[in-house]
Amino acid sequence: MINRLTASLDFQSQALTLRSERQRLIASNIANADTPGYVARDFNFAQALQQASGGAGSGFRLAENAGLGLDPMGGGADAPRLNYAAPSQTNLDGNSVDMDRERASFVDNALRYESTIRFISSTVKNTLDALKSHTSG
């Protein structure tokens, strides 16, 4: 039983770490909206979570990488692959940041981050309540 609880919390912890890293990438894209030649970056969250949880068979674990292993210049062998954003319209300065897309991604990711925190919190609370009721009776 403890193993299942730990596995569930580990999975949610990895999801939270990936959400945090994605938020950092989106914020970087927004901050560089006026930088000539800047190409917006992002990663496929579902694919990265599958890789982080070991579903892809890679054995990659975010918890083992203090620096997250995400290199903005292309990533290491065990890091989620960062993708370039396709520009929605051409710019003379070569910048591919679409502020509407980035703002929507930022808000969506922030809401999902908050949902993950609430899920972890409710799981821990329910587990503690179950332990209290078992020991008091």
Protein backbone atom coordinates (compact mmCIF):
# COMPACT_ATOMS: atom_id res chain seq x y z
CA MET A 1 0.00 0.00 0.00
CA ILE A 2 2.80 2.41 0.87
CA ASN A 3 4.44 1.67 -2.48
CA ARG A 4 1.30 2.76 -4.35
CA LEU A 5 1.04 5.95 -2.32
CA THR A 6 4.70 6.72 -2.92
CA ALA A 7 4.40 5.98 -6.64
CA SER A 8 1.39 8.27 -6.94
CA LEU A 9 3.15 11.10 -5.13
CA ASP A 10 6.33 10.57 -7.16
CA PHE A 11 4.32 10.81 -10.39
CA GLN A 12 2.61 14.00 -9.24
CA SER A 13 5.93 15.42 -8.08
CA GLN A 14 7.43 14.80 -11.51
CA ALA A 15 4.39 16.40 -13.14
CA LEU A 16 4.80 19.43 -10.88
CA THR A 17 8.48 19.73 -11.75
CA LEU A 18 7.73 19.55 -15.47
CA ARG A 19 4.94 22.12 -15.14
CA SER A 20 7.37 24.42 -13.36
CA GLU A 21 9.98 23.99 -16.07
CA ARG A 22 7.38 24.59 -18.79
CA GLN A 23 6.28 27.77 -17.03
CA ARG A 24 9.90 28.93 -17.03
CA LEU A 25 10.18 28.28 -20.77
CA ILE A 26 6.96 30.13 -21.54
CA ALA A 27 8.04 33.07 -19.37
CA SER A 28 11.35 33.12 -21.24
CA ASN A 29 9.47 33.23 -24.54
CA ILE A 30 7.36 36.16 -23.32
CA ALA A 31 10.41 38.00 -22.01
CA ASN A 32 12.09 37.67 -25.41
CA ALA A 33 9.09 38.75 -27.48
CA ASP A 34 10.98 41.78 -28.78
CA THR A 35 14.37 40.09 -29.24
CA PRO A 36 15.28 39.94 -32.93
CA GLY A 37 15.87 36.39 -34.15
CA TYR A 38 14.56 34.75 -30.97
CA VAL A 39 12.76 31.48 -31.62
CA ALA A 40 10.14 30.45 -29.05
CA ARG A 41 10.71 27.07 -27.37
CA ASP A 42 8.41 24.59 -25.66
CA PHE A 43 8.16 20.85 -25.05
CA ASN A 44 5.45 18.24 -25.32
CA PHE A 45 4.30 17.88 -21.73
CA ALA A 46 2.64 14.46 -22.11
CA GLN A 47 5.69 13.00 -23.79
CA ALA A 48 8.05 14.51 -21.21
CA LEU A 49 5.92 13.19 -18.32
CA GLN A 50 5.87 9.73 -19.85
CA GLN A 51 9.65 9.88 -20.20
CA ALA A 52 10.07 11.22 -16.65
CA SER A 53 7.85 8.54 -15.12
CA GLY A 54 9.73 5.76 -16.89
CA GLY A 55 6.87 4.97 -19.27
CA ALA A 56 9.10 5.43 -22.28
CA GLY A 57 11.58 2.92 -20.90
CA SER A 58 14.32 5.52 -20.66
CA GLY A 59 14.70 5.43 -16.90
CA PHE A 60 14.89 9.24 -16.82
CA ARG A 61 13.76 10.65 -13.47
CA LEU A 62 13.46 14.37 -12.89
CA ALA A 63 13.90 13.95 -9.16
CA GLU A 64 17.43 12.66 -9.74
CA ASN A 65 18.41 15.77 -11.71
CA ALA A 66 18.77 18.75 -9.40
CA GLY A 67 19.11 21.10 -12.36
CA LEU A 68 16.21 19.42 -14.20
CA GLY A 69 18.55 18.40 -16.98
CA LEU A 70 16.85 20.81 -19.37
CA ASP A 71 19.39 22.66 -21.42
CA PRO A 72 17.82 25.61 -23.25
CA MET A 73 20.35 25.15 -26.02
CA GLY A 74 19.03 21.72 -27.00
CA GLY A 75 18.91 19.44 -23.98
CA GLY A 76 20.94 16.45 -22.95
CA ALA A 77 20.27 12.86 -23.92
CA ASP A 78 17.90 12.31 -21.00
CA ALA A 79 16.09 15.69 -21.10
CA PRO A 80 12.72 16.33 -22.71
CA ARG A 81 13.19 17.45 -26.29
CA LEU A 82 12.61 21.17 -26.67
CA ASN A 83 10.67 22.09 -29.79
CA TYR A 84 10.76 25.30 -31.75
CA ALA A 85 7.47 27.16 -32.15
CA ALA A 86 6.29 27.62 -35.70
CA PRO A 87 5.67 31.32 -36.31
CA SER A 88 2.00 32.15 -36.87
CA GLN A 89 2.96 35.12 -39.00
CA THR A 90 6.20 36.22 -40.55
CA ASN A 91 8.25 38.90 -38.84
CA LEU A 92 10.99 40.97 -40.39
CA ASP A 93 13.17 40.46 -37.31
CA GLY A 94 12.83 36.64 -37.35
CA ASN A 95 11.18 36.46 -33.91
CA SER A 96 8.67 33.57 -33.64
CA VAL A 97 7.01 34.54 -30.34
CA ASP A 98 3.22 34.79 -30.68
CA MET A 99 2.13 36.69 -27.57
CA ASP A 100 -1.47 35.46 -27.76
CA ARG A 101 -0.33 31.83 -27.89
CA GLU A 102 2.24 32.37 -25.13
CA ARG A 103 -0.25 34.08 -22.81
CA ALA A 104 -2.80 31.31 -23.34
CA SER A 105 -0.13 28.65 -22.72
CA PHE A 106 1.06 30.50 -19.60
CA VAL A 107 -2.44 30.65 -18.08
CA ASP A 108 -3.26 27.05 -19.04
CA ASN A 109 -0.01 25.77 -17.55
CA ALA A 110 -0.49 27.85 -14.37
CA LEU A 111 -3.98 26.40 -13.86
CA ARG A 112 -2.72 22.87 -14.39
CA TYR A 113 0.16 23.53 -11.96
CA GLU A 114 -2.34 24.69 -9.33
CA SER A 115 -4.54 21.64 -9.99
CA THR A 116 -1.58 19.33 -9.45
CA ILE A 117 -0.76 21.05 -6.16
CA ARG A 118 -4.37 20.71 -5.02
CA PHE A 119 -4.41 17.03 -6.00
CA ILE A 120 -1.22 16.34 -4.03
CA SER A 121 -2.60 18.27 -1.05
CA SER A 122 -5.89 16.38 -1.06
CA THR A 123 -4.10 13.03 -1.42
CA VAL A 124 -1.90 13.74 1.59
CA LYS A 125 -4.87 15.05 3.60
CA ASN A 126 -6.97 11.96 2.80
CA THR A 127 -4.10 9.66 3.69
CA LEU A 128 -3.55 11.42 7.02
CA ASP A 129 -7.29 11.28 7.77
CA ALA A 130 -7.34 7.56 7.00
CA LEU A 131 -4.37 6.96 9.29
CA LYS A 132 -5.96 8.99 12.10
CA SER A 133 -9.24 7.10 11.90
CA HIS A 134 -7.42 3.74 11.84
CA THR A 135 -5.29 4.52 14.89
CA SER A 136 -8.07 6.10 16.97
CA GLY A 137 -10.45 3.14 16.70
